[in-house]
Each structure stands twice: as structure tokens, then as C-alpha cells.
């Protein structure tokens, strides 16, 4: 399970979120383990049965105003009860000041507190986006990721099958490279987004030539930082004994991080223009998204033709019988 320390969070986002640490440095060793946020309004009022204490707590002007309406002794008791839970981090928005007893109890019970100059809504929106991306399920896969006509195609297959060469040909035809050799896949809201694993640049290994810099060679329009992965194409050597899909009525799917996407098993052989086929796969995928299935249309027209011929044949036989 992915874990984010409060110290790492502060180092990553202190400028963007305008953060200032209030408590002692030791509190920054706390761990954030959940991607959701929580506003502890009911907890401050004494209701702790459903307190989501493992989440980052956001305190805004409403909570601060409520604290000012109750006595210091009652506030101390409420905060102490709340701080007995292992809260990783509390962020106070709008740069508001917190009562002194809160800071004292936080240091004593090892709970990190920060203030942010951002408004409550802006902080919650930005922080939610960051945490969702940070804790999103992810994995790395060997393959090449390209953008053809806006469709993210993940090319997979055995080493040396020609994934990089196909991607290079697509780039030359005006499409874009996202990652070669190793692809980082992140799942968020049932959408798979692919990027390069590292930030070295858009390098590609071409066997017999070596490493090339696709961005420098073909220009900035030939690369893209990320793309939604909509289909996977498994390149495989042609085998006469294999029964390959010829009509397209059967759709195959693969599960990646709990998300199901179409997969096409594409046989390759010397002289076969795989890049053109990949363009066709992308365009056909777009048509399917708009509800047009070429195989189903062809089958329907074929059945109509057979039905029509059968009807004409029956009509002719009936006429002969009447004569």
C-alpha cells in the first residue's frame, strides 16, 4: 500500500498550497494513507463514533468560528478527545490562527498541523486532486504507447517483435509517441492513463541503430506526455496453425488494474504494413464509440440478402406449383 509522509507532502506542495508548519518537526513523520479528506465539524461538537481520523482534516472559517463560541475548558476537552485518535495532519485554511491549546495538544499527542493561505474550497479541490492522483492504483508494463487519431494504443508483444519500429512509423505518419519500452499506467475513475516511467525524454531504442531522441528528431508535435489507453494491441508472429479473427464479431478484452479494455491479437509477418493496420484499428475504435460496428452491419446486410433471395425463390416455386 502506498504511503505518504507528512514531511514528503510538505516538501512537494508547500509552495502550491501556501503551507506553513505550526507544530514541531517530529510531527512531520506521520503517515497519510487515505486519499479522501475530512472536515471534523461533528468531531469538534463531540460526536466521534464515525470520525474518519485517518484522513487529512481540513479546518476552515466555520470550524474556527465554532471554537470561538464555546468555553476554553470545553474546547480543550473536545480537542483532547479528538486528538486521541491518530490523525496524520490537520490543515487550517485562509491563514487563520488556531487556539493555543490546540497547538499544545497537537505537539503533545504527535499530530501535525499546518496552515494554508488558500481558501477552503480551493485547498480542498486542489488537495483532493493531488491525493487522488498520488494514491491511484498504478503499474508498469513492458510495451510502447502511442496516440493515433487521439486513441491511446498500447503495443505489447515479445521483445524484438517490432513495437518500437511500429511506433516510429506512426510518428513519421503524423501520430505521437508517449512512451517506449516501459509504460506507467495509472487507474483513476475507471480510466487508464499511460505515461513514461521516467522523465528522461522521448528516447527510443531502434535495434541496429541504437537510441534516438524522437522529440529532437521529429519535433514537439511528435510526442505527448500522457494519453488515455483505450485499446491494447498484442503483436505476435504469424502462425499458420492459429485461428485469427477475420470478421470482428467477437470482441476480446483484457483487464488492467480492474479496468476492461479491448485487446486485438495482431499477427505480423515480413512485408506486412502494421502501421496502416494500427491506424485502421484506431479509426475503427472511434466508429465503435459512436455505435457503428462494421461486422454487425455486414452481417445484417448479408442476412437481409439471404432472406430476400430465399423469399424470391419461394415465390417462384409457388408460381410453378400454381401452373
C-alpha atoms as a PDB file:
ATOM      1  CA  UNK A   1       0.000   0.000   0.000  1.00  0.00           C
ATOM      2  CA  UNK A   2       1.312   3.420  -0.946  1.00  0.00           C
ATOM      3  CA  UNK A   3       2.103   5.733   1.981  1.00  0.00           C
ATOM      4  CA  UNK A   4       2.791   9.464   2.003  1.00  0.00           C
ATOM      5  CA  UNK A   5       4.625  11.014   4.931  1.00  0.00           C
ATOM      6  CA  UNK A   6       3.550  14.469   6.054  1.00  0.00           C
ATOM      7  CA  UNK A   7       7.114  15.635   5.508  1.00  0.00           C
ATOM      8  CA  UNK A   8       7.064  14.447   1.872  1.00  0.00           C
ATOM      9  CA  UNK A   9       3.715  16.126   1.352  1.00  0.00           C
ATOM     10  CA  UNK A  10       5.027  19.426   2.714  1.00  0.00           C
ATOM     11  CA  UNK A  11       8.159  19.295   0.579  1.00  0.00           C
ATOM     12  CA  UNK A  12       6.125  18.536  -2.545  1.00  0.00           C
ATOM     13  CA  UNK A  13       3.265  21.010  -2.082  1.00  0.00           C
ATOM     14  CA  UNK A  14       4.242  23.748   0.370  1.00  0.00           C
ATOM     15  CA  UNK A  15       4.536  26.395  -2.356  1.00  0.00           C
ATOM     16  CA  UNK A  16       1.486  25.384  -4.354  1.00  0.00           C
ATOM     17  CA  UNK A  17      -0.736  25.174  -1.274  1.00  0.00           C
ATOM     18  CA  UNK A  18       0.981  28.071   0.573  1.00  0.00           C
ATOM     19  CA  UNK A  19       1.650  25.896   3.619  1.00  0.00           C
ATOM     20  CA  UNK A  20       3.283  26.765   6.921  1.00  0.00           C
ATOM     21  CA  UNK A  21       4.104  24.187   9.595  1.00  0.00           C
ATOM     22  CA  UNK A  22       2.715  25.060  13.023  1.00  0.00           C
ATOM     23  CA  UNK A  23       3.702  22.038  15.108  1.00  0.00           C
ATOM     24  CA  UNK A  24       7.111  20.583  15.957  1.00  0.00           C
ATOM     25  CA  UNK A  25       9.217  18.857  13.246  1.00  0.00           C
ATOM     26  CA  UNK A  26       8.702  15.400  14.781  1.00  0.00           C
ATOM     27  CA  UNK A  27       5.018  15.526  13.794  1.00  0.00           C
ATOM     28  CA  UNK A  28       6.026  15.536  10.110  1.00  0.00           C
ATOM     29  CA  UNK A  29       6.908  11.844  10.363  1.00  0.00           C
ATOM     30  CA  UNK A  30       3.203  10.938  10.433  1.00  0.00           C
ATOM     31  CA  UNK A  31       1.838   8.904   7.537  1.00  0.00           C
ATOM     32  CA  UNK A  32      -1.096   9.748   5.250  1.00  0.00           C
ATOM     33  CA  UNK A  33      -2.718   6.546   3.996  1.00  0.00           C
ATOM     34  CA  UNK A  34      -6.056   7.664   2.530  1.00  0.00           C
ATOM     35  CA  UNK A  35      -6.841   9.807  -0.496  1.00  0.00           C
ATOM     36  CA  UNK A  36     -10.027  11.347   0.933  1.00  0.00           C
ATOM     37  CA  UNK A  37     -10.285  14.479   3.061  1.00  0.00           C
ATOM     38  CA  UNK A  38     -12.440  15.132   6.108  1.00  0.00           C
ATOM     39  CA  UNK A  39     -13.853  18.222   7.792  1.00  0.00           C
ATOM     40  CA  UNK A  40     -14.125  17.483  11.541  1.00  0.00           C
ATOM     41  CA  UNK A  41     -17.194  19.572  12.319  1.00  0.00           C
ATOM     42  CA  UNK A  42     -19.074  16.819  14.169  1.00  0.00           C
ATOM     43  CA  UNK A  43     -15.905  15.670  15.912  1.00  0.00           C
ATOM     44  CA  UNK A  44     -15.416  19.172  17.326  1.00  0.00           C
ATOM     45  CA  UNK A  45     -19.004  19.010  18.564  1.00  0.00           C
ATOM     46  CA  UNK A  46     -18.210  15.790  20.448  1.00  0.00           C
ATOM     47  CA  UNK A  47     -19.596  13.157  18.053  1.00  0.00           C
ATOM     48  CA  UNK A  48     -16.736  10.744  17.386  1.00  0.00           C
ATOM     49  CA  UNK A  49     -18.479   7.480  16.505  1.00  0.00           C
ATOM     50  CA  UNK A  50     -17.940   7.892  12.756  1.00  0.00           C
ATOM     51  CA  UNK A  51     -14.856  10.075  12.878  1.00  0.00           C
ATOM     52  CA  UNK A  52     -12.691   9.474   9.775  1.00  0.00           C
ATOM     53  CA  UNK A  53      -9.499  10.203  11.682  1.00  0.00           C
ATOM     54  CA  UNK A  54      -7.118   8.510   9.212  1.00  0.00           C
ATOM     55  CA  UNK A  55      -7.786  11.217   6.627  1.00  0.00           C
ATOM     56  CA  UNK A  56      -6.260  14.686   6.397  1.00  0.00           C
ATOM     57  CA  UNK A  57      -8.518  17.034   8.385  1.00  0.00           C
ATOM     58  CA  UNK A  58      -9.360  20.421   6.874  1.00  0.00           C
ATOM     59  CA  UNK A  59     -10.452  23.179   9.247  1.00  0.00           C
ATOM     60  CA  UNK A  60     -11.945  26.310   7.753  1.00  0.00           C
ATOM     61  CA  UNK A  61     -13.547  29.501   8.941  1.00  0.00           C
ATOM     62  CA  UNK A  62     -16.726  27.687  10.024  1.00  0.00           C
ATOM     63  CA  UNK A  63     -14.860  25.374  12.409  1.00  0.00           C
ATOM     64  CA  UNK A  64     -12.740  28.235  13.801  1.00  0.00           C
ATOM     65  CA  UNK A  65     -15.887  30.313  14.402  1.00  0.00           C
ATOM     66  CA  UNK A  66     -17.489  27.396  16.245  1.00  0.00           C
ATOM     67  CA  UNK A  67     -14.438  27.021  18.505  1.00  0.00           C
ATOM     68  CA  UNK A  68     -14.745  30.676  19.487  1.00  0.00           C
ATOM     69  CA  UNK A  69     -18.328  30.152  20.694  1.00  0.00           C
ATOM     70  CA  UNK A  70     -17.501  27.549  23.357  1.00  0.00           C
ATOM     71  CA  UNK A  71     -15.575  27.890  26.603  1.00  0.00           C
ATOM     72  CA  UNK A  72     -11.829  27.234  26.780  1.00  0.00           C
ATOM     73  CA  UNK A  73     -12.312  24.247  29.104  1.00  0.00           C
ATOM     74  CA  UNK A  74     -14.894  22.621  26.832  1.00  0.00           C
ATOM     75  CA  UNK A  75     -12.758  23.296  23.776  1.00  0.00           C
ATOM     76  CA  UNK A  76      -9.757  21.704  25.496  1.00  0.00           C
ATOM     77  CA  UNK A  77     -11.770  18.578  26.347  1.00  0.00           C
ATOM     78  CA  UNK A  78     -13.207  18.299  22.831  1.00  0.00           C
ATOM     79  CA  UNK A  79      -9.809  18.719  21.155  1.00  0.00           C
ATOM     80  CA  UNK A  80      -8.171  16.243  23.532  1.00  0.00           C
ATOM     81  CA  UNK A  81     -10.836  13.622  22.797  1.00  0.00           C
ATOM     82  CA  UNK A  82     -10.401  14.184  19.076  1.00  0.00           C
ATOM     83  CA  UNK A  83      -6.597  14.134  19.231  1.00  0.00           C
ATOM     84  CA  UNK A  84      -6.594  10.755  20.987  1.00  0.00           C
ATOM     85  CA  UNK A  85      -7.165   9.365  17.503  1.00  0.00           C
ATOM     86  CA  UNK A  86      -4.096   9.030  15.267  1.00  0.00           C
ATOM     87  CA  UNK A  87      -4.810  11.974  12.984  1.00  0.00           C
ATOM     88  CA  UNK A  88      -1.957  12.335  10.465  1.00  0.00           C
ATOM     89  CA  UNK A  89      -2.405  16.002   9.566  1.00  0.00           C
ATOM     90  CA  UNK A  90      -4.674  18.997  10.141  1.00  0.00           C
ATOM     91  CA  UNK A  91      -4.653  21.913   7.709  1.00  0.00           C
ATOM     92  CA  UNK A  92      -6.207  25.245   8.681  1.00  0.00           C
ATOM     93  CA  UNK A  93      -7.238  27.335   5.672  1.00  0.00           C
ATOM     94  CA  UNK A  94      -7.193  31.084   4.953  1.00  0.00           C
ATOM     95  CA  UNK A  95      -4.132  31.517   7.190  1.00  0.00           C
ATOM     96  CA  UNK A  96      -6.409  31.532  10.231  1.00  0.00           C
ATOM     97  CA  UNK A  97      -4.930  31.339  13.713  1.00  0.00           C
ATOM     98  CA  UNK A  98      -5.742  28.378  15.922  1.00  0.00           C
ATOM     99  CA  UNK A  99      -6.317  28.460  19.688  1.00  0.00           C
ATOM    100  CA  UNK A 100      -3.111  27.921  21.651  1.00  0.00           C
ATOM    101  CA  UNK A 101      -4.385  24.784  23.398  1.00  0.00           C
ATOM    102  CA  UNK A 102      -4.802  23.072  20.023  1.00  0.00           C
ATOM    103  CA  UNK A 103      -1.152  23.617  19.156  1.00  0.00           C
ATOM    104  CA  UNK A 104      -0.096  22.423  22.607  1.00  0.00           C
ATOM    105  CA  UNK A 105      -2.173  19.230  22.419  1.00  0.00           C
ATOM    106  CA  UNK A 106      -1.037  18.543  18.853  1.00  0.00           C
ATOM    107  CA  UNK A 107       2.634  18.641  19.875  1.00  0.00           C
ATOM    108  CA  UNK A 108       1.940  16.516  22.937  1.00  0.00           C
ATOM    109  CA  UNK A 109      -0.026  13.865  21.010  1.00  0.00           C
ATOM    110  CA  UNK A 110       2.125  13.997  17.853  1.00  0.00           C
ATOM    111  CA  UNK A 111      -0.402  15.404  15.382  1.00  0.00           C
ATOM    112  CA  UNK A 112       0.872  17.622  12.572  1.00  0.00           C
ATOM    113  CA  UNK A 113      -0.825  20.976  11.980  1.00  0.00           C
ATOM    114  CA  UNK A 114      -0.254  23.308   9.052  1.00  0.00           C
ATOM    115  CA  UNK A 115      -1.887  26.499   7.903  1.00  0.00           C
ATOM    116  CA  UNK A 116      -2.620  27.407   4.301  1.00  0.00           C
ATOM    117  CA  UNK A 117      -3.300  30.845   2.873  1.00  0.00           C
ATOM    118  CA  UNK A 118      -5.660  29.327   0.283  1.00  0.00           C
ATOM    119  CA  UNK A 119      -9.426  29.484   0.675  1.00  0.00           C
ATOM    120  CA  UNK A 120     -11.130  26.360   1.971  1.00  0.00           C
ATOM    121  CA  UNK A 121     -12.779  25.455  -1.347  1.00  0.00           C
ATOM    122  CA  UNK A 122      -9.617  25.980  -3.369  1.00  0.00           C
ATOM    123  CA  UNK A 123      -7.484  23.952  -0.968  1.00  0.00           C
ATOM    124  CA  UNK A 124      -9.986  21.090  -0.839  1.00  0.00           C
ATOM    125  CA  UNK A 125     -10.275  20.916  -4.634  1.00  0.00           C
ATOM    126  CA  UNK A 126      -6.518  21.052  -5.231  1.00  0.00           C
ATOM    127  CA  UNK A 127      -5.655  18.703  -2.387  1.00  0.00           C
ATOM    128  CA  UNK A 128      -8.293  16.173  -3.423  1.00  0.00           C
ATOM    129  CA  UNK A 129      -6.900  16.145  -6.954  1.00  0.00           C
ATOM    130  CA  UNK A 130      -3.343  15.647  -5.698  1.00  0.00           C
ATOM    131  CA  UNK A 131      -4.237  12.839  -3.289  1.00  0.00           C
ATOM    132  CA  UNK A 132      -6.379  11.034  -5.863  1.00  0.00           C
ATOM    133  CA  UNK A 133      -3.512  11.039  -8.338  1.00  0.00           C
ATOM    134  CA  UNK A 134      -0.915  10.090  -5.717  1.00  0.00           C
ATOM    135  CA  UNK A 135      -2.854   7.128  -4.315  1.00  0.00           C
ATOM    136  CA  UNK A 136      -4.304   5.978  -7.640  1.00  0.00           C
ATOM    137  CA  UNK A 137      -3.582   2.293  -8.462  1.00  0.00           C
ATOM    138  CA  UNK A 138      -0.717   2.023 -10.929  1.00  0.00           C
ATOM    139  CA  UNK A 139       1.588  -0.458 -12.573  1.00  0.00           C
ATOM    140  CA  UNK A 140       4.333  -0.581 -15.186  1.00  0.00           C
ATOM    141  CA  UNK A 141       4.091  -2.696 -18.321  1.00  0.00           C
ATOM    142  CA  UNK A 142       6.623  -3.534 -20.988  1.00  0.00           C
ATOM    143  CA  UNK A 143       5.344  -2.083 -24.219  1.00  0.00           C
ATOM    144  CA  UNK A 144       5.061   1.029 -26.346  1.00  0.00           C
ATOM    145  CA  UNK A 145       2.315   3.618 -26.052  1.00  0.00           C
ATOM    146  CA  UNK A 146       1.220   5.771 -28.985  1.00  0.00           C
ATOM    147  CA  UNK A 147      -1.530   8.247 -29.783  1.00  0.00           C
ATOM    148  CA  UNK A 148      -3.136   7.575 -33.171  1.00  0.00           C
ATOM    149  CA  UNK A 149      -6.016   9.908 -34.109  1.00  0.00           C
ATOM    150  CA  UNK A 150      -6.440  10.657 -30.399  1.00  0.00           C
ATOM    151  CA  UNK A 151      -6.780   6.979 -29.457  1.00  0.00           C
ATOM    152  CA  UNK A 152      -4.247   5.648 -26.965  1.00  0.00           C
ATOM    153  CA  UNK A 153      -2.918   2.307 -28.248  1.00  0.00           C
ATOM    154  CA  UNK A 154      -0.753   0.136 -26.011  1.00  0.00           C
ATOM    155  CA  UNK A 155       1.520  -2.046 -28.140  1.00  0.00           C
ATOM    156  CA  UNK A 156       2.670  -5.229 -26.426  1.00  0.00           C
ATOM    157  CA  UNK A 157       4.416  -8.405 -27.525  1.00  0.00           C
ATOM    158  CA  UNK A 158       7.651 -10.308 -27.216  1.00  0.00           C
ATOM    159  CA  UNK A 159      10.939  -8.456 -27.258  1.00  0.00           C
ATOM    160  CA  UNK A 160      12.084  -7.808 -30.816  1.00  0.00           C
ATOM    161  CA  UNK A 161       8.612  -8.225 -32.337  1.00  0.00           C
ATOM    162  CA  UNK A 162       8.735  -4.656 -33.716  1.00  0.00           C
ATOM    163  CA  UNK A 163       6.810  -2.478 -31.250  1.00  0.00           C
ATOM    164  CA  UNK A 164       9.269   0.403 -31.408  1.00  0.00           C
ATOM    165  CA  UNK A 165       9.514   0.227 -35.196  1.00  0.00           C
ATOM    166  CA  UNK A 166       5.710   0.382 -35.495  1.00  0.00           C
ATOM    167  CA  UNK A 167       5.624   3.395 -33.172  1.00  0.00           C
ATOM    168  CA  UNK A 168       8.386   5.077 -35.171  1.00  0.00           C
ATOM    169  CA  UNK A 169       6.466   4.548 -38.402  1.00  0.00           C
ATOM    170  CA  UNK A 170       3.326   6.008 -36.799  1.00  0.00           C
ATOM    171  CA  UNK A 171       5.287   9.066 -35.648  1.00  0.00           C
ATOM    172  CA  UNK A 172       6.548   9.547 -39.192  1.00  0.00           C
ATOM    173  CA  UNK A 173       2.917   9.384 -40.375  1.00  0.00           C
ATOM    174  CA  UNK A 174       1.943  12.252 -38.054  1.00  0.00           C
ATOM    175  CA  UNK A 175       0.963  10.455 -34.845  1.00  0.00           C
ATOM    176  CA  UNK A 176       2.540  10.812 -31.423  1.00  0.00           C
ATOM    177  CA  UNK A 177       4.723   8.792 -29.081  1.00  0.00           C
ATOM    178  CA  UNK A 178       4.016   8.702 -25.358  1.00  0.00           C
ATOM    179  CA  UNK A 179       6.392   6.035 -24.046  1.00  0.00           C
ATOM    180  CA  UNK A 180       8.647   3.307 -25.394  1.00  0.00           C
ATOM    181  CA  UNK A 181       9.806   0.067 -23.765  1.00  0.00           C
ATOM    182  CA  UNK A 182       8.195   0.701 -20.348  1.00  0.00           C
ATOM    183  CA  UNK A 183       4.798   2.312 -19.788  1.00  0.00           C
ATOM    184  CA  UNK A 184       3.450   3.605 -16.479  1.00  0.00           C
ATOM    185  CA  UNK A 185      -0.313   3.023 -16.211  1.00  0.00           C
ATOM    186  CA  UNK A 186      -2.446   4.846 -13.643  1.00  0.00           C
ATOM    187  CA  UNK A 187      -6.092   3.987 -12.952  1.00  0.00           C
ATOM    188  CA  UNK A 188      -8.406   6.760 -11.793  1.00  0.00           C
ATOM    189  CA  UNK A 189     -12.207   6.825 -12.085  1.00  0.00           C
ATOM    190  CA  UNK A 190     -12.113   3.634 -14.221  1.00  0.00           C
ATOM    191  CA  UNK A 191      -9.857   5.363 -16.753  1.00  0.00           C
ATOM    192  CA  UNK A 192      -6.370   4.150 -17.612  1.00  0.00           C
ATOM    193  CA  UNK A 193      -3.813   6.867 -18.277  1.00  0.00           C
ATOM    194  CA  UNK A 194      -0.409   5.984 -19.674  1.00  0.00           C
ATOM    195  CA  UNK A 195       2.831   7.934 -19.333  1.00  0.00           C
ATOM    196  CA  UNK A 196       6.548   7.274 -19.480  1.00  0.00           C
ATOM    197  CA  UNK A 197       8.084   5.737 -16.361  1.00  0.00           C
ATOM    198  CA  UNK A 198      10.871   8.321 -16.187  1.00  0.00           C
ATOM    199  CA  UNK A 199      11.299  11.930 -17.271  1.00  0.00           C
ATOM    200  CA  UNK A 200      14.484  11.434 -19.301  1.00  0.00           C
ATOM    201  CA  UNK A 201      12.724  12.446 -22.507  1.00  0.00           C
ATOM    202  CA  UNK A 202      11.294  10.644 -25.514  1.00  0.00           C
ATOM    203  CA  UNK A 203      14.080   8.213 -26.314  1.00  0.00           C
ATOM    204  CA  UNK A 204      13.515   5.099 -28.371  1.00  0.00           C
ATOM    205  CA  UNK A 205      15.699   2.078 -28.974  1.00  0.00           C
ATOM    206  CA  UNK A 206      15.888   1.023 -32.626  1.00  0.00           C
ATOM    207  CA  UNK A 207      17.672  -2.305 -32.998  1.00  0.00           C
ATOM    208  CA  UNK A 208      20.704  -1.966 -35.202  1.00  0.00           C
ATOM    209  CA  UNK A 209      20.737   1.816 -34.846  1.00  0.00           C
ATOM    210  CA  UNK A 210      20.667   2.464 -31.107  1.00  0.00           C
ATOM    211  CA  UNK A 211      18.916   5.164 -29.103  1.00  0.00           C
ATOM    212  CA  UNK A 212      17.225   8.065 -30.873  1.00  0.00           C
ATOM    213  CA  UNK A 213      15.560  11.181 -29.466  1.00  0.00           C
ATOM    214  CA  UNK A 214      12.110  11.265 -31.071  1.00  0.00           C
ATOM    215  CA  UNK A 215      11.309  14.788 -29.831  1.00  0.00           C
ATOM    216  CA  UNK A 216      14.530  16.277 -31.212  1.00  0.00           C
ATOM    217  CA  UNK A 217      14.303  14.315 -34.440  1.00  0.00           C
ATOM    218  CA  UNK A 218      10.624  14.813 -35.329  1.00  0.00           C
ATOM    219  CA  UNK A 219       9.645  17.867 -33.286  1.00  0.00           C
ATOM    220  CA  UNK A 220       7.491  18.606 -30.275  1.00  0.00           C
ATOM    221  CA  UNK A 221       4.298  17.719 -32.181  1.00  0.00           C
ATOM    222  CA  UNK A 222       5.511  14.100 -32.457  1.00  0.00           C
ATOM    223  CA  UNK A 223       5.338  13.436 -28.703  1.00  0.00           C
ATOM    224  CA  UNK A 224       2.805  13.680 -25.926  1.00  0.00           C
ATOM    225  CA  UNK A 225       3.156  13.441 -22.152  1.00  0.00           C
ATOM    226  CA  UNK A 226       0.173  11.176 -21.473  1.00  0.00           C
ATOM    227  CA  UNK A 227      -2.871   9.628 -23.117  1.00  0.00           C
ATOM    228  CA  UNK A 228      -5.917   7.619 -22.086  1.00  0.00           C
ATOM    229  CA  UNK A 229      -5.310   3.972 -23.003  1.00  0.00           C
ATOM    230  CA  UNK A 230      -8.344   2.812 -24.969  1.00  0.00           C
ATOM    231  CA  UNK A 231      -7.136  -0.401 -26.578  1.00  0.00           C
ATOM    232  CA  UNK A 232      -4.253  -2.860 -26.430  1.00  0.00           C
ATOM    233  CA  UNK A 233      -2.692  -4.463 -29.487  1.00  0.00           C
ATOM    234  CA  UNK A 234      -0.687  -7.632 -28.896  1.00  0.00           C
ATOM    235  CA  UNK A 235       1.792  -8.146 -31.727  1.00  0.00           C
ATOM    236  CA  UNK A 236       2.513 -11.812 -32.421  1.00  0.00           C
ATOM    237  CA  UNK A 237       4.354 -13.741 -35.088  1.00  0.00           C
ATOM    238  CA  UNK A 238       2.166 -15.214 -37.819  1.00  0.00           C
ATOM    239  CA  UNK A 239       1.452 -18.920 -37.386  1.00  0.00           C
ATOM    240  CA  UNK A 240      -0.446 -20.961 -39.974  1.00  0.00           C
ATOM    241  CA  UNK A 241      -1.953 -23.104 -37.232  1.00  0.00           C
ATOM    242  CA  UNK A 242      -3.508 -20.120 -35.420  1.00  0.00           C
ATOM    243  CA  UNK A 243      -7.179 -19.236 -35.904  1.00  0.00           C
ATOM    244  CA  UNK A 244      -7.177 -15.436 -36.186  1.00  0.00           C
ATOM    245  CA  UNK A 245     -10.243 -13.204 -36.022  1.00  0.00           C
ATOM    246  CA  UNK A 246     -11.452 -12.442 -39.554  1.00  0.00           C
ATOM    247  CA  UNK A 247     -14.928 -10.954 -39.197  1.00  0.00           C
ATOM    248  CA  UNK A 248     -14.761  -8.974 -35.960  1.00  0.00           C
ATOM    249  CA  UNK A 249     -17.982 -10.191 -34.348  1.00  0.00           C
ATOM    250  CA  UNK A 250     -16.042 -11.497 -31.348  1.00  0.00           C
ATOM    251  CA  UNK A 251     -14.542  -8.806 -29.121  1.00  0.00           C
ATOM    252  CA  UNK A 252     -11.708  -9.726 -26.760  1.00  0.00           C
ATOM    253  CA  UNK A 253     -10.960  -7.778 -23.603  1.00  0.00           C
ATOM    254  CA  UNK A 254      -8.079  -7.545 -21.143  1.00  0.00           C
ATOM    255  CA  UNK A 255      -8.196  -6.428 -17.510  1.00  0.00           C
ATOM    256  CA  UNK A 256      -5.656  -3.818 -16.411  1.00  0.00           C
ATOM    257  CA  UNK A 257      -5.908  -2.541 -12.831  1.00  0.00           C
ATOM    258  CA  UNK A 258      -9.565  -3.575 -12.726  1.00  0.00           C
ATOM    259  CA  UNK A 259     -10.475  -1.762 -15.956  1.00  0.00           C
ATOM    260  CA  UNK A 260     -11.504  -3.781 -19.012  1.00  0.00           C
ATOM    261  CA  UNK A 261     -10.304  -2.542 -22.413  1.00  0.00           C
ATOM    262  CA  UNK A 262     -10.419  -4.157 -25.881  1.00  0.00           C
ATOM    263  CA  UNK A 263      -7.415  -6.205 -26.963  1.00  0.00           C
ATOM    264  CA  UNK A 264      -6.551  -7.178 -30.522  1.00  0.00           C
ATOM    265  CA  UNK A 265      -4.179 -10.024 -31.271  1.00  0.00           C
ATOM    266  CA  UNK A 266      -2.435  -8.844 -34.423  1.00  0.00           C
ATOM    267  CA  UNK A 267      -0.267 -11.300 -36.388  1.00  0.00           C
ATOM    268  CA  UNK A 268       2.790  -9.769 -38.037  1.00  0.00           C
ATOM    269  CA  UNK A 269       4.877 -11.131 -40.878  1.00  0.00           C
ATOM    270  CA  UNK A 270       7.596  -9.765 -43.208  1.00  0.00           C
ATOM    271  CA  UNK A 271       6.230  -7.174 -45.608  1.00  0.00           C
ATOM    272  CA  UNK A 272       3.054  -6.538 -43.619  1.00  0.00           C
ATOM    273  CA  UNK A 273       2.296  -2.839 -43.116  1.00  0.00           C
ATOM    274  CA  UNK A 274       1.423  -2.924 -39.433  1.00  0.00           C
ATOM    275  CA  UNK A 275       1.351   0.876 -39.078  1.00  0.00           C
ATOM    276  CA  UNK A 276      -1.547   1.211 -41.521  1.00  0.00           C
ATOM    277  CA  UNK A 277      -3.408  -1.550 -39.658  1.00  0.00           C
ATOM    278  CA  UNK A 278      -2.853   0.296 -36.376  1.00  0.00           C
ATOM    279  CA  UNK A 279      -4.363   3.417 -37.939  1.00  0.00           C
ATOM    280  CA  UNK A 280      -7.335   1.315 -39.044  1.00  0.00           C
ATOM    281  CA  UNK A 281      -7.660  -0.070 -35.502  1.00  0.00           C
ATOM    282  CA  UNK A 282      -7.746   3.471 -34.100  1.00  0.00           C
ATOM    283  CA  UNK A 283     -10.329   4.687 -36.618  1.00  0.00           C
ATOM    284  CA  UNK A 284     -12.453   1.562 -36.144  1.00  0.00           C
ATOM    285  CA  UNK A 285     -12.336   2.106 -32.372  1.00  0.00           C
ATOM    286  CA  UNK A 286     -13.647   5.643 -32.861  1.00  0.00           C
ATOM    287  CA  UNK A 287     -16.502   4.342 -35.024  1.00  0.00           C
ATOM    288  CA  UNK A 288     -17.383   1.776 -32.363  1.00  0.00           C
ATOM    289  CA  UNK A 289     -17.538   4.519 -29.725  1.00  0.00           C
ATOM    290  CA  UNK A 290     -20.158   6.224 -31.899  1.00  0.00           C
ATOM    291  CA  UNK A 291     -22.111   2.978 -32.161  1.00  0.00           C
ATOM    292  CA  UNK A 292     -21.049   1.777 -35.612  1.00  0.00           C
ATOM    293  CA  UNK A 293     -19.950  -1.874 -35.749  1.00  0.00           C
ATOM    294  CA  UNK A 294     -18.809  -2.762 -39.272  1.00  0.00           C
ATOM    295  CA  UNK A 295     -19.015  -6.531 -38.665  1.00  0.00           C
ATOM    296  CA  UNK A 296     -22.588  -6.289 -37.374  1.00  0.00           C
ATOM    297  CA  UNK A 297     -23.644  -4.080 -40.290  1.00  0.00           C
ATOM    298  CA  UNK A 298     -22.108  -6.518 -42.773  1.00  0.00           C
ATOM    299  CA  UNK A 299     -23.788  -9.489 -41.108  1.00  0.00           C
ATOM    300  CA  UNK A 300     -27.152  -7.740 -41.076  1.00  0.00           C
ATOM    301  CA  UNK A 301     -26.912  -6.863 -44.762  1.00  0.00           C
ATOM    302  CA  UNK A 302     -25.849 -10.424 -45.576  1.00  0.00           C
ATOM    303  CA  UNK A 303     -28.816 -11.862 -43.690  1.00  0.00           C
ATOM    304  CA  UNK A 304     -31.162  -9.441 -45.443  1.00  0.00           C
ATOM    305  CA  UNK A 305     -29.753 -10.524 -48.802  1.00  0.00           C
ATOM    306  CA  UNK A 306     -30.173 -14.215 -47.953  1.00  0.00           C
ATOM    307  CA  UNK A 307     -33.688 -13.605 -46.685  1.00  0.00           C
ATOM    308  CA  UNK A 308     -34.571 -11.694 -49.823  1.00  0.00           C
ATOM    309  CA  UNK A 309     -33.213 -14.426 -52.113  1.00  0.00           C
ATOM    310  CA  UNK A 310     -34.995 -17.098 -50.082  1.00  0.00           C
ATOM    311  CA  UNK A 311     -38.257 -15.156 -50.414  1.00  0.00           C
ATOM    312  CA  UNK A 312     -37.870 -14.775 -54.180  1.00  0.00           C
ATOM    313  CA  UNK A 313     -37.072 -18.487 -54.518  1.00  0.00           C
ATOM    314  CA  UNK A 314     -40.171 -19.467 -52.521  1.00  0.00           C
ATOM    315  CA  UNK A 315     -42.302 -17.102 -54.597  1.00  0.00           C
ATOM    316  CA  UNK A 316     -41.022 -18.651 -57.849  1.00  0.00           C
ATOM    317  CA  UNK A 317     -41.705 -22.173 -56.553  1.00  0.00           C
ATOM    318  CA  UNK A 318     -45.253 -21.213 -55.602  1.00  0.00           C
ATOM    319  CA  UNK A 319     -45.857 -19.797 -59.104  1.00  0.00           C
ATOM    320  CA  UNK A 320     -44.623 -23.033 -60.687  1.00  0.00           C
ATOM    321  CA  UNK A 321     -46.918 -25.085 -58.472  1.00  0.00           C
ATOM    322  CA  UNK A 322     -49.915 -22.955 -59.444  1.00  0.00           C
ATOM    323  CA  UNK A 323     -49.139 -23.560 -63.149  1.00  0.00           C
END
